[in-house]
Amino acid sequence: MNKLAFTLTLIAAFPATAAVVSYTDYATWASAAATPIHTITFNVASPGGPYSSGLLVDGVLFEGISAGPSNGYLYENNFGYCSVSGCLVGPPTEAGLLGATDGYLRTTLSSPATAIAFDAGPYTTLGDIPVFRFSNGDSFVGLPFASAPNFFGFISDTPFTYVDYHVNAGTDDGDFTVLDTVYVPAPEPQTCLLVAAGLTLAALKTRKSVR
């Protein structure tokens, strides 16, 4: 057996492990991420939404996506669904696997990253199963919710630009996907400088055109 055939045999016998590593507490995840963390909360003075075209918070875009009639369903701190601290409510999820009427929350970052974390849960139903899908092909299926929200931290070995969060309601009639807090890598200083420079240039052009 030549070296190539032997290597292929080993790969077949020992398949690669998942590219994404999950964490169940913030401190461990933040330490492993080894980068400054920016916290995004959903807390408004009065119920916000609906945001059918998405909600942009600190450069991160949140969308409620569904192939069914609830497409675009997205509320911030929606009365009746959120705690006092606020949350983001996405489309309802039907029982079973993703289908025509199943909905999910999509979190799109302003630039590719390898770390992200969520305080997430369903609306009220315990026993729902959390499912996360990443733009780079990674995925994670958690244990049934014993309480909500739960912390979910992820670090991938390849960059991703968005994460979809879906609640598999199992034998239930359905539920709503909810994000209470989202943790993303803080923008690098160079990025902040570029954004500031761009805003300054735009302001100068505006002043020049007014004259």
N, C-alpha and C. Protein backbone atom coordinates (compact mmCIF):
# COMPACT_ATOMS: atom_id res chain seq x y z
N MET A 1 0.85 -1.20 0.00
CA MET A 1 0.00 0.00 0.00
C MET A 1 0.88 1.25 0.00
N ASN A 2 0.65 2.17 -0.98
CA ASN A 2 1.47 3.38 -1.03
C ASN A 2 1.01 4.38 0.02
N LYS A 3 1.78 5.46 0.18
CA LYS A 3 1.51 6.44 1.24
C LYS A 3 0.15 7.11 1.06
N LEU A 4 -0.21 7.43 -0.19
CA LEU A 4 -1.48 8.10 -0.45
C LEU A 4 -2.65 7.20 -0.05
N ALA A 5 -2.58 5.93 -0.46
CA ALA A 5 -3.66 5.00 -0.14
C ALA A 5 -3.77 4.81 1.37
N PHE A 6 -2.62 4.76 2.05
CA PHE A 6 -2.62 4.59 3.50
C PHE A 6 -3.25 5.80 4.19
N THR A 7 -2.92 7.01 3.69
CA THR A 7 -3.49 8.25 4.24
C THR A 7 -4.99 8.29 4.06
N LEU A 8 -5.46 7.93 2.86
CA LEU A 8 -6.90 7.92 2.59
C LEU A 8 -7.61 6.91 3.48
N THR A 9 -6.95 5.77 3.74
CA THR A 9 -7.54 4.75 4.61
C THR A 9 -7.70 5.28 6.03
N LEU A 10 -6.69 6.03 6.51
CA LEU A 10 -6.75 6.61 7.84
C LEU A 10 -7.87 7.64 7.94
N ILE A 11 -8.00 8.47 6.89
CA ILE A 11 -9.05 9.50 6.89
C ILE A 11 -10.42 8.85 6.94
N ALA A 12 -10.58 7.76 6.19
CA ALA A 12 -11.88 7.06 6.18
C ALA A 12 -12.16 6.43 7.53
N ALA A 13 -11.11 5.93 8.18
CA ALA A 13 -11.30 5.25 9.46
C ALA A 13 -11.52 6.24 10.60
N PHE A 14 -10.93 7.43 10.48
CA PHE A 14 -11.04 8.44 11.52
C PHE A 14 -11.53 9.75 10.90
N PRO A 15 -12.83 9.89 10.68
CA PRO A 15 -13.37 11.09 10.03
C PRO A 15 -13.08 12.33 10.85
N ALA A 16 -13.00 13.47 10.16
CA ALA A 16 -12.68 14.74 10.82
C ALA A 16 -13.77 15.12 11.81
N THR A 17 -13.35 15.73 12.90
CA THR A 17 -14.32 16.18 13.90
C THR A 17 -14.98 17.48 13.43
N ALA A 18 -16.06 17.85 14.10
CA ALA A 18 -16.78 19.07 13.74
C ALA A 18 -15.87 20.28 13.82
N ALA A 19 -16.06 21.21 12.90
CA ALA A 19 -15.17 22.36 12.83
C ALA A 19 -15.53 23.42 13.86
N VAL A 20 -16.72 23.32 14.45
CA VAL A 20 -17.14 24.32 15.43
C VAL A 20 -17.13 23.70 16.83
N VAL A 21 -16.58 24.45 17.80
CA VAL A 21 -16.54 24.01 19.19
C VAL A 21 -17.55 24.84 19.96
N SER A 22 -18.36 24.19 20.80
CA SER A 22 -19.41 24.89 21.54
C SER A 22 -19.02 25.03 23.01
N TYR A 23 -19.56 26.08 23.63
CA TYR A 23 -19.28 26.38 25.04
C TYR A 23 -20.60 26.67 25.75
N THR A 24 -20.64 26.34 27.03
CA THR A 24 -21.88 26.51 27.79
C THR A 24 -21.82 27.64 28.82
N ASP A 25 -20.67 28.34 28.91
CA ASP A 25 -20.60 29.48 29.81
C ASP A 25 -19.76 30.58 29.18
N TYR A 26 -20.11 31.82 29.52
CA TYR A 26 -19.50 32.98 28.88
C TYR A 26 -18.00 33.07 29.14
N ALA A 27 -17.57 32.89 30.40
CA ALA A 27 -16.17 33.09 30.76
C ALA A 27 -15.24 32.17 29.97
N THR A 28 -15.60 30.90 29.88
CA THR A 28 -14.77 29.95 29.15
C THR A 28 -14.72 30.29 27.67
N TRP A 29 -15.89 30.63 27.11
CA TRP A 29 -15.93 30.99 25.69
C TRP A 29 -15.11 32.24 25.41
N ALA A 30 -15.27 33.29 26.21
CA ALA A 30 -14.56 34.55 25.99
C ALA A 30 -13.05 34.35 26.11
N SER A 31 -12.63 33.50 27.03
CA SER A 31 -11.20 33.22 27.18
C SER A 31 -10.66 32.50 25.96
N ALA A 32 -11.43 31.55 25.44
CA ALA A 32 -11.01 30.80 24.26
C ALA A 32 -11.03 31.67 23.01
N ALA A 33 -11.98 32.61 22.95
CA ALA A 33 -12.08 33.49 21.79
C ALA A 33 -10.87 34.42 21.69
N ALA A 34 -10.33 34.78 22.86
CA ALA A 34 -9.10 35.58 22.92
C ALA A 34 -9.19 36.85 22.08
N THR A 35 -10.32 37.54 22.16
CA THR A 35 -10.51 38.79 21.43
C THR A 35 -11.47 39.67 22.21
N PRO A 36 -11.35 40.98 22.11
CA PRO A 36 -12.33 41.85 22.79
C PRO A 36 -13.74 41.52 22.32
N ILE A 37 -14.68 41.51 23.26
CA ILE A 37 -16.05 41.12 22.96
C ILE A 37 -16.99 42.32 23.05
N HIS A 38 -17.89 42.41 22.08
CA HIS A 38 -18.91 43.45 22.09
C HIS A 38 -20.26 42.79 22.38
N THR A 39 -20.99 43.34 23.33
CA THR A 39 -22.28 42.78 23.74
C THR A 39 -23.43 43.57 23.13
N ILE A 40 -24.35 42.85 22.51
CA ILE A 40 -25.53 43.47 21.90
C ILE A 40 -26.76 43.02 22.68
N THR A 41 -27.50 43.99 23.21
CA THR A 41 -28.73 43.69 23.93
C THR A 41 -29.90 44.32 23.19
N PHE A 42 -31.07 43.78 23.41
CA PHE A 42 -32.28 44.27 22.76
C PHE A 42 -33.19 44.82 23.85
N ASN A 43 -33.07 46.11 24.09
CA ASN A 43 -33.80 46.73 25.19
C ASN A 43 -34.24 48.11 24.76
N VAL A 44 -35.52 48.29 24.57
CA VAL A 44 -36.05 49.60 24.17
C VAL A 44 -37.07 50.04 25.20
N ALA A 45 -37.32 51.34 25.25
CA ALA A 45 -38.23 51.88 26.25
C ALA A 45 -39.65 51.37 26.06
N SER A 46 -40.03 51.15 24.81
CA SER A 46 -41.36 50.62 24.50
C SER A 46 -41.19 49.51 23.46
N PRO A 47 -42.19 48.66 23.31
CA PRO A 47 -42.05 47.57 22.34
C PRO A 47 -41.64 48.08 20.97
N GLY A 48 -40.61 47.47 20.39
CA GLY A 48 -40.12 47.90 19.08
C GLY A 48 -40.47 46.89 18.00
N GLY A 49 -40.69 47.41 16.80
CA GLY A 49 -40.95 46.52 15.68
C GLY A 49 -42.39 46.65 15.22
N PRO A 50 -42.79 45.86 14.22
CA PRO A 50 -41.97 44.81 13.62
C PRO A 50 -40.93 45.37 12.63
N TYR A 51 -39.88 44.61 12.42
CA TYR A 51 -38.82 45.00 11.50
C TYR A 51 -38.80 44.02 10.34
N SER A 52 -39.70 44.19 9.40
CA SER A 52 -39.83 43.24 8.30
C SER A 52 -38.62 43.22 7.39
N SER A 53 -37.84 44.32 7.35
CA SER A 53 -36.66 44.35 6.50
C SER A 53 -35.38 44.13 7.30
N GLY A 54 -35.52 43.72 8.56
CA GLY A 54 -34.34 43.46 9.38
C GLY A 54 -34.07 44.59 10.36
N LEU A 55 -33.28 44.28 11.37
CA LEU A 55 -32.91 45.25 12.39
C LEU A 55 -31.40 45.33 12.47
N LEU A 56 -30.83 46.51 12.25
CA LEU A 56 -29.38 46.71 12.29
C LEU A 56 -29.00 47.30 13.64
N VAL A 57 -28.18 46.58 14.40
CA VAL A 57 -27.74 47.02 15.72
C VAL A 57 -26.22 46.94 15.79
N ASP A 58 -25.58 48.09 15.94
CA ASP A 58 -24.12 48.14 16.07
C ASP A 58 -23.41 47.40 14.94
N GLY A 59 -23.91 47.55 13.73
CA GLY A 59 -23.27 46.93 12.58
C GLY A 59 -23.64 45.48 12.35
N VAL A 60 -24.47 44.89 13.22
CA VAL A 60 -24.91 43.50 13.07
C VAL A 60 -26.37 43.49 12.61
N LEU A 61 -26.66 42.74 11.55
CA LEU A 61 -28.01 42.69 10.98
C LEU A 61 -28.74 41.46 11.49
N PHE A 62 -29.94 41.69 12.03
CA PHE A 62 -30.79 40.60 12.50
C PHE A 62 -32.02 40.52 11.60
N GLU A 63 -32.33 39.30 11.14
CA GLU A 63 -33.47 39.11 10.25
C GLU A 63 -34.31 37.93 10.73
N GLY A 64 -35.61 38.05 10.53
CA GLY A 64 -36.52 36.94 10.78
C GLY A 64 -36.92 36.34 9.45
N ILE A 65 -36.45 35.13 9.17
CA ILE A 65 -36.62 34.55 7.84
C ILE A 65 -37.49 33.31 7.91
N SER A 66 -38.44 33.23 7.00
CA SER A 66 -39.32 32.06 6.92
C SER A 66 -39.80 31.91 5.49
N ALA A 67 -39.96 30.67 5.07
CA ALA A 67 -40.48 30.42 3.73
C ALA A 67 -41.99 30.51 3.71
N GLY A 68 -42.59 30.64 4.87
CA GLY A 68 -44.04 30.67 4.96
C GLY A 68 -44.59 32.06 5.18
N PRO A 69 -45.80 32.16 5.68
CA PRO A 69 -46.49 33.45 5.83
C PRO A 69 -45.87 34.35 6.89
N SER A 70 -45.00 33.81 7.74
CA SER A 70 -44.39 34.63 8.80
C SER A 70 -43.04 35.19 8.40
N ASN A 71 -42.73 35.19 7.11
CA ASN A 71 -41.45 35.74 6.66
C ASN A 71 -41.34 37.22 7.04
N GLY A 72 -40.23 37.60 7.62
CA GLY A 72 -40.02 38.98 8.05
C GLY A 72 -40.51 39.25 9.46
N TYR A 73 -41.05 38.24 10.13
CA TYR A 73 -41.53 38.42 11.50
C TYR A 73 -40.34 38.67 12.41
N LEU A 74 -40.21 39.88 12.92
CA LEU A 74 -39.08 40.24 13.77
C LEU A 74 -39.50 41.40 14.67
N TYR A 75 -39.48 41.15 15.97
CA TYR A 75 -39.81 42.18 16.95
C TYR A 75 -38.67 42.35 17.94
N GLU A 76 -38.45 43.59 18.37
CA GLU A 76 -37.52 43.85 19.45
C GLU A 76 -38.32 44.21 20.69
N ASN A 77 -38.10 43.44 21.77
CA ASN A 77 -38.78 43.70 23.04
C ASN A 77 -40.29 43.69 22.87
N ASN A 78 -40.78 42.73 22.11
CA ASN A 78 -42.21 42.65 21.83
C ASN A 78 -42.98 42.31 23.09
N PHE A 79 -43.96 43.12 23.43
CA PHE A 79 -44.75 42.91 24.64
C PHE A 79 -45.40 41.53 24.62
N GLY A 80 -45.25 40.82 25.72
CA GLY A 80 -45.84 39.49 25.81
C GLY A 80 -44.88 38.37 25.52
N TYR A 81 -43.75 38.68 24.85
CA TYR A 81 -42.80 37.64 24.50
C TYR A 81 -41.46 37.82 25.21
N CYS A 82 -41.17 39.03 25.69
CA CYS A 82 -39.84 39.32 26.22
C CYS A 82 -39.87 39.66 27.70
N SER A 83 -38.75 39.40 28.34
CA SER A 83 -38.58 39.78 29.74
C SER A 83 -38.30 41.28 29.82
N VAL A 84 -38.17 41.78 31.04
CA VAL A 84 -37.92 43.21 31.24
C VAL A 84 -36.62 43.63 30.57
N SER A 85 -35.64 42.72 30.54
CA SER A 85 -34.34 43.05 29.96
C SER A 85 -34.39 43.16 28.44
N GLY A 86 -35.47 42.72 27.83
CA GLY A 86 -35.61 42.84 26.38
C GLY A 86 -35.09 41.62 25.66
N CYS A 87 -35.54 41.45 24.42
CA CYS A 87 -35.07 40.34 23.59
C CYS A 87 -35.50 40.58 22.15
N LEU A 88 -35.06 39.69 21.29
CA LEU A 88 -35.44 39.74 19.88
C LEU A 88 -36.23 38.49 19.56
N VAL A 89 -37.42 38.66 18.98
CA VAL A 89 -38.31 37.54 18.68
C VAL A 89 -38.39 37.34 17.17
N GLY A 90 -38.12 36.11 16.73
CA GLY A 90 -38.16 35.80 15.31
C GLY A 90 -39.39 35.01 14.93
N PRO A 91 -39.43 34.49 13.70
CA PRO A 91 -40.62 33.81 13.19
C PRO A 91 -40.96 32.56 14.01
N PRO A 92 -42.23 32.16 14.01
CA PRO A 92 -42.61 30.94 14.69
C PRO A 92 -42.02 29.72 14.00
N THR A 93 -41.75 28.70 14.79
CA THR A 93 -41.20 27.45 14.29
C THR A 93 -42.24 26.35 14.44
N GLU A 94 -42.47 25.62 13.38
CA GLU A 94 -43.44 24.52 13.44
C GLU A 94 -42.76 23.25 13.92
N ALA A 95 -43.55 22.22 14.18
CA ALA A 95 -43.01 20.95 14.66
C ALA A 95 -42.19 20.26 13.58
N GLY A 96 -41.22 19.48 14.01
CA GLY A 96 -40.45 18.67 13.08
C GLY A 96 -39.30 19.43 12.43
N LEU A 97 -38.82 18.89 11.31
CA LEU A 97 -37.68 19.46 10.63
C LEU A 97 -38.06 20.74 9.91
N LEU A 98 -37.04 21.48 9.44
CA LEU A 98 -37.29 22.71 8.70
C LEU A 98 -38.21 22.43 7.52
N GLY A 99 -39.24 23.23 7.39
CA GLY A 99 -40.19 23.05 6.30
C GLY A 99 -40.66 24.39 5.78
N ALA A 100 -41.73 24.35 5.00
CA ALA A 100 -42.20 25.55 4.31
C ALA A 100 -42.63 26.66 5.28
N THR A 101 -43.08 26.29 6.46
CA THR A 101 -43.55 27.31 7.39
C THR A 101 -42.61 27.52 8.57
N ASP A 102 -41.47 26.86 8.57
CA ASP A 102 -40.52 27.02 9.68
C ASP A 102 -39.74 28.32 9.53
N GLY A 103 -39.47 28.95 10.66
CA GLY A 103 -38.75 30.21 10.64
C GLY A 103 -37.48 30.14 11.46
N TYR A 104 -36.58 31.07 11.21
CA TYR A 104 -35.34 31.14 11.98
C TYR A 104 -34.85 32.58 12.04
N LEU A 105 -34.01 32.84 13.02
CA LEU A 105 -33.37 34.14 13.17
C LEU A 105 -31.98 34.09 12.54
N ARG A 106 -31.67 35.05 11.70
CA ARG A 106 -30.34 35.12 11.09
C ARG A 106 -29.57 36.32 11.65
N THR A 107 -28.35 36.06 12.10
CA THR A 107 -27.45 37.10 12.60
C THR A 107 -26.31 37.24 11.61
N THR A 108 -26.23 38.39 10.93
CA THR A 108 -25.20 38.63 9.92
C THR A 108 -24.21 39.66 10.44
N LEU A 109 -22.93 39.30 10.45
CA LEU A 109 -21.88 40.16 10.97
C LEU A 109 -21.40 41.12 9.89
N SER A 110 -20.77 42.22 10.33
CA SER A 110 -20.26 43.22 9.38
C SER A 110 -19.00 42.74 8.69
N SER A 111 -18.31 41.77 9.28
CA SER A 111 -17.10 41.19 8.68
C SER A 111 -16.97 39.75 9.18
N PRO A 112 -16.27 38.89 8.43
CA PRO A 112 -16.14 37.49 8.84
C PRO A 112 -15.51 37.35 10.22
N ALA A 113 -15.96 36.35 10.97
CA ALA A 113 -15.44 36.10 12.31
C ALA A 113 -15.38 34.60 12.56
N THR A 114 -14.71 34.21 13.63
CA THR A 114 -14.63 32.79 14.00
C THR A 114 -15.25 32.53 15.37
N ALA A 115 -15.75 33.58 16.04
CA ALA A 115 -16.34 33.43 17.36
C ALA A 115 -17.64 34.21 17.45
N ILE A 116 -18.63 33.62 18.13
CA ILE A 116 -19.90 34.30 18.38
C ILE A 116 -20.60 33.55 19.52
N ALA A 117 -21.46 34.24 20.24
CA ALA A 117 -22.19 33.60 21.34
C ALA A 117 -23.56 34.22 21.49
N PHE A 118 -24.47 33.45 22.07
CA PHE A 118 -25.86 33.89 22.22
C PHE A 118 -26.41 33.48 23.58
N ASP A 119 -27.26 34.33 24.15
CA ASP A 119 -28.19 33.91 25.19
C ASP A 119 -29.49 33.70 24.44
N ALA A 120 -29.91 32.44 24.28
CA ALA A 120 -31.01 32.14 23.37
C ALA A 120 -31.99 31.17 24.02
N GLY A 121 -33.19 31.15 23.45
CA GLY A 121 -34.20 30.23 23.95
C GLY A 121 -35.43 30.25 23.05
N PRO A 122 -36.44 29.48 23.41
CA PRO A 122 -37.73 29.56 22.74
C PRO A 122 -38.60 30.58 23.47
N TYR A 123 -39.82 30.72 23.05
CA TYR A 123 -40.73 31.66 23.74
C TYR A 123 -41.09 31.15 25.12
N THR A 124 -41.81 30.07 25.20
CA THR A 124 -42.20 29.55 26.52
C THR A 124 -41.98 28.06 26.69
N THR A 125 -41.86 27.32 25.60
CA THR A 125 -41.89 25.87 25.68
C THR A 125 -40.54 25.26 26.04
N LEU A 126 -40.45 24.60 27.18
CA LEU A 126 -39.27 23.84 27.54
C LEU A 126 -39.27 22.55 26.73
N GLY A 127 -38.07 22.01 26.48
CA GLY A 127 -37.98 20.79 25.70
C GLY A 127 -37.72 21.05 24.23
N ASP A 128 -37.82 22.29 23.77
CA ASP A 128 -37.48 22.61 22.39
C ASP A 128 -35.99 22.39 22.16
N ILE A 129 -35.62 22.08 20.93
CA ILE A 129 -34.22 21.77 20.61
C ILE A 129 -33.61 22.91 19.81
N PRO A 130 -32.51 23.52 20.30
CA PRO A 130 -31.87 24.61 19.58
C PRO A 130 -30.99 24.10 18.45
N VAL A 131 -31.08 24.74 17.30
CA VAL A 131 -30.29 24.37 16.13
C VAL A 131 -29.61 25.63 15.58
N PHE A 132 -28.30 25.58 15.42
CA PHE A 132 -27.54 26.70 14.86
C PHE A 132 -26.86 26.24 13.57
N ARG A 133 -26.95 27.04 12.52
CA ARG A 133 -26.31 26.73 11.25
C ARG A 133 -25.48 27.93 10.82
N PHE A 134 -24.23 27.69 10.44
CA PHE A 134 -23.28 28.73 10.09
C PHE A 134 -23.09 28.82 8.58
N SER A 135 -22.73 30.00 8.11
CA SER A 135 -22.56 30.21 6.67
C SER A 135 -21.42 29.38 6.10
N ASN A 136 -20.47 28.96 6.94
CA ASN A 136 -19.34 28.17 6.45
C ASN A 136 -19.63 26.67 6.42
N GLY A 137 -20.87 26.29 6.74
CA GLY A 137 -21.25 24.89 6.71
C GLY A 137 -21.28 24.21 8.07
N ASP A 138 -20.75 24.87 9.09
CA ASP A 138 -20.81 24.31 10.44
C ASP A 138 -22.25 24.27 10.94
N SER A 139 -22.51 23.38 11.88
CA SER A 139 -23.83 23.32 12.49
C SER A 139 -23.72 22.77 13.91
N PHE A 140 -24.73 23.07 14.72
CA PHE A 140 -24.76 22.60 16.10
C PHE A 140 -26.20 22.35 16.50
N VAL A 141 -26.45 21.17 17.07
CA VAL A 141 -27.78 20.83 17.59
C VAL A 141 -27.63 20.59 19.08
N GLY A 142 -28.32 21.38 19.88
CA GLY A 142 -28.18 21.29 21.33
C GLY A 142 -29.16 20.33 21.96
N LEU A 143 -29.02 20.19 23.27
CA LEU A 143 -29.94 19.37 24.04
C LEU A 143 -31.26 20.12 24.22
N PRO A 144 -32.34 19.42 24.49
CA PRO A 144 -33.63 20.09 24.72
C PRO A 144 -33.51 21.11 25.86
N PHE A 145 -34.17 22.24 25.71
CA PHE A 145 -34.11 23.30 26.71
C PHE A 145 -34.68 22.82 28.04
N ALA A 146 -33.88 23.02 29.10
CA ALA A 146 -34.38 22.78 30.45
C ALA A 146 -34.84 24.09 31.06
N SER A 147 -34.31 25.18 30.54
CA SER A 147 -34.71 26.52 30.96
C SER A 147 -34.36 27.47 29.82
N ALA A 148 -34.84 28.66 29.88
CA ALA A 148 -34.54 29.63 28.83
C ALA A 148 -34.38 31.00 29.46
N PRO A 149 -33.43 31.81 29.02
CA PRO A 149 -32.49 31.48 27.94
C PRO A 149 -31.30 30.65 28.42
N ASN A 150 -30.60 30.06 27.47
CA ASN A 150 -29.37 29.33 27.71
C ASN A 150 -28.23 30.03 26.98
N PHE A 151 -27.00 29.83 27.48
CA PHE A 151 -25.84 30.40 26.81
C PHE A 151 -25.28 29.40 25.80
N PHE A 152 -25.03 29.89 24.59
CA PHE A 152 -24.41 29.10 23.54
C PHE A 152 -23.23 29.88 22.97
N GLY A 153 -22.02 29.40 23.18
CA GLY A 153 -20.83 30.05 22.62
C GLY A 153 -20.20 29.15 21.58
N PHE A 154 -19.68 29.74 20.52
CA PHE A 154 -19.10 28.96 19.43
C PHE A 154 -17.78 29.57 18.96
N ILE A 155 -16.84 28.68 18.63
CA ILE A 155 -15.61 29.08 17.97
C ILE A 155 -15.37 28.09 16.83
N SER A 156 -15.21 28.63 15.62
CA SER A 156 -15.02 27.81 14.44
C SER A 156 -13.58 27.93 13.94
N ASP A 157 -13.12 26.92 13.21
CA ASP A 157 -11.77 26.99 12.67
C ASP A 157 -11.75 27.66 11.30
N THR A 158 -12.93 28.03 10.80
CA THR A 158 -13.00 28.79 9.55
C THR A 158 -13.98 29.95 9.74
N PRO A 159 -13.71 31.10 9.13
CA PRO A 159 -14.58 32.28 9.31
C PRO A 159 -15.99 32.05 8.78
N PHE A 160 -16.94 32.73 9.38
CA PHE A 160 -18.32 32.72 8.92
C PHE A 160 -18.84 34.15 8.91
N THR A 161 -19.88 34.40 8.14
CA THR A 161 -20.45 35.75 8.05
C THR A 161 -21.84 35.84 8.67
N TYR A 162 -22.55 34.71 8.78
CA TYR A 162 -23.85 34.73 9.43
C TYR A 162 -24.12 33.41 10.13
N VAL A 163 -25.06 33.47 11.08
CA VAL A 163 -25.50 32.28 11.81
C VAL A 163 -27.02 32.27 11.85
N ASP A 164 -27.61 31.13 11.51
CA ASP A 164 -29.06 30.96 11.60
C ASP A 164 -29.39 30.19 12.87
N TYR A 165 -30.38 30.68 13.60
CA TYR A 165 -30.81 30.03 14.83
C TYR A 165 -32.26 29.60 14.68
N HIS A 166 -32.50 28.33 14.93
CA HIS A 166 -33.82 27.74 14.72
C HIS A 166 -34.18 26.89 15.93
N VAL A 167 -35.44 26.88 16.31
CA VAL A 167 -35.92 26.03 17.40
C VAL A 167 -36.72 24.88 16.80
N ASN A 168 -36.25 23.66 17.03
CA ASN A 168 -37.00 22.48 16.60
C ASN A 168 -37.99 22.14 17.70
N ALA A 169 -39.25 22.36 17.44
CA ALA A 169 -40.27 22.21 18.47
C ALA A 169 -40.68 20.75 18.71
N GLY A 170 -40.09 19.82 17.94
CA GLY A 170 -40.39 18.41 18.15
C GLY A 170 -41.85 18.09 17.93
N THR A 171 -42.51 17.57 18.94
CA THR A 171 -43.91 17.19 18.79
C THR A 171 -44.87 18.32 19.15
N ASP A 172 -44.30 19.47 19.53
CA ASP A 172 -45.12 20.62 19.88
C ASP A 172 -45.76 21.21 18.63
N ASP A 173 -46.71 22.09 18.83
CA ASP A 173 -47.38 22.74 17.70
C ASP A 173 -46.54 23.87 17.11
N GLY A 174 -45.49 24.28 17.80
CA GLY A 174 -44.65 25.35 17.31
C GLY A 174 -44.24 26.29 18.42
N ASP A 175 -43.33 27.18 18.12
CA ASP A 175 -42.83 28.11 19.11
C ASP A 175 -42.14 29.27 18.39
N PHE A 176 -41.69 30.25 19.17
CA PHE A 176 -40.97 31.39 18.61
C PHE A 176 -39.50 31.30 19.01
N THR A 177 -38.61 31.64 18.08
CA THR A 177 -37.19 31.70 18.42
C THR A 177 -36.88 33.06 19.04
N VAL A 178 -36.06 33.04 20.11
CA VAL A 178 -35.80 34.26 20.86
C VAL A 178 -34.31 34.40 21.15
N LEU A 179 -33.77 35.60 20.91
CA LEU A 179 -32.40 35.95 21.31
C LEU A 179 -32.48 37.03 22.38
N ASP A 180 -31.83 36.79 23.52
CA ASP A 180 -31.81 37.78 24.58
C ASP A 180 -30.58 38.68 24.51
N THR A 181 -29.43 38.08 24.22
CA THR A 181 -28.17 38.82 24.12
C THR A 181 -27.30 38.14 23.08
N VAL A 182 -26.53 38.92 22.35
CA VAL A 182 -25.60 38.39 21.35
C VAL A 182 -24.22 38.96 21.63
N TYR A 183 -23.22 38.10 21.58
CA TYR A 183 -21.83 38.51 21.84
C TYR A 183 -21.01 38.28 20.57
N VAL A 184 -20.40 39.35 20.08
CA VAL A 184 -19.61 39.28 18.85
C VAL A 184 -18.25 39.90 19.08
N PRO A 185 -17.26 39.55 18.25
CA PRO A 185 -15.95 40.20 18.38
C PRO A 185 -16.08 41.70 18.18
N ALA A 186 -15.42 42.47 19.03
CA ALA A 186 -15.45 43.93 18.89
C ALA A 186 -14.71 44.33 17.63
N PRO A 187 -15.19 45.38 16.95
CA PRO A 187 -14.50 45.83 15.74
C PRO A 187 -13.05 46.20 16.04
N GLU A 188 -12.15 45.82 15.14
CA GLU A 188 -10.74 46.15 15.33
C GLU A 188 -10.55 47.66 15.18
N PRO A 189 -9.54 48.23 15.87
CA PRO A 189 -9.29 49.67 15.79
C PRO A 189 -9.13 50.16 14.36
N GLN A 190 -8.48 49.33 13.51
CA GLN A 190 -8.28 49.75 12.13
C GLN A 190 -9.63 49.92 11.43
N THR A 191 -10.56 49.00 11.73
CA THR A 191 -11.88 49.08 11.12
C THR A 191 -12.62 50.33 11.56
N CYS A 192 -12.51 50.64 12.87
CA CYS A 192 -13.16 51.84 13.39
C CYS A 192 -12.59 53.09 12.74
N LEU A 193 -11.27 53.11 12.55
CA LEU A 193 -10.63 54.28 11.91
C LEU A 193 -11.10 54.43 10.48
N LEU A 194 -11.23 53.31 9.76
CA LEU A 194 -11.68 53.37 8.38
C LEU A 194 -13.11 53.89 8.30
N VAL A 195 -13.97 53.41 9.21
CA VAL A 195 -15.36 53.87 9.23
C VAL A 195 -15.41 55.36 9.54
N ALA A 196 -14.63 55.81 10.54
CA ALA A 196 -14.59 57.22 10.90
C ALA A 196 -14.09 58.07 9.74
N ALA A 197 -13.06 57.59 9.06
CA ALA A 197 -12.53 58.33 7.92
C ALA A 197 -13.56 58.44 6.80
N GLY A 198 -14.30 57.35 6.58
CA GLY A 198 -15.34 57.37 5.55
C GLY A 198 -16.45 58.34 5.88
N LEU A 199 -16.86 58.39 7.15
CA LEU A 199 -17.91 59.32 7.56
C LEU A 199 -17.44 60.76 7.44
N THR A 200 -16.17 61.01 7.79
CA THR A 200 -15.61 62.36 7.68
C THR A 200 -15.58 62.81 6.23
N LEU A 201 -15.14 61.90 5.34
CA LEU A 201 -15.07 62.23 3.92
C LEU A 201 -16.46 62.52 3.36
N ALA A 202 -17.44 61.74 3.78
CA ALA A 202 -18.81 61.96 3.30
C ALA A 202 -19.33 63.30 3.78
N ALA A 203 -19.01 63.68 5.03
CA ALA A 203 -19.45 64.96 5.57
C ALA A 203 -18.81 66.12 4.80
N LEU A 204 -17.53 65.97 4.48
CA LEU A 204 -16.84 67.03 3.74
C LEU A 204 -17.43 67.20 2.34
N LYS A 205 -17.76 66.08 1.69
CA LYS A 205 -18.36 66.16 0.36
C LYS A 205 -19.72 66.83 0.42
N THR A 206 -20.49 66.52 1.47
CA THR A 206 -21.81 67.13 1.64
C THR A 206 -21.69 68.63 1.81
N ARG A 207 -20.74 69.08 2.64
CA ARG A 207 -20.54 70.52 2.87
C ARG A 207 -20.12 71.22 1.58
N LYS A 208 -19.25 70.53 0.81
CA LYS A 208 -18.77 71.13 -0.43
C LYS A 208 -19.89 71.29 -1.44
N SER A 209 -20.79 70.30 -1.50
CA SER A 209 -21.90 70.36 -2.46
C SER A 209 -22.91 71.44 -2.06
N VAL A 210 -23.06 71.68 -0.73
CA VAL A 210 -23.98 72.72 -0.25
C VAL A 210 -23.50 74.09 -0.68
N ARG A 211 -22.17 74.29 -0.60
CA ARG A 211 -21.61 75.57 -1.00
C ARG A 211 -21.84 75.83 -2.48
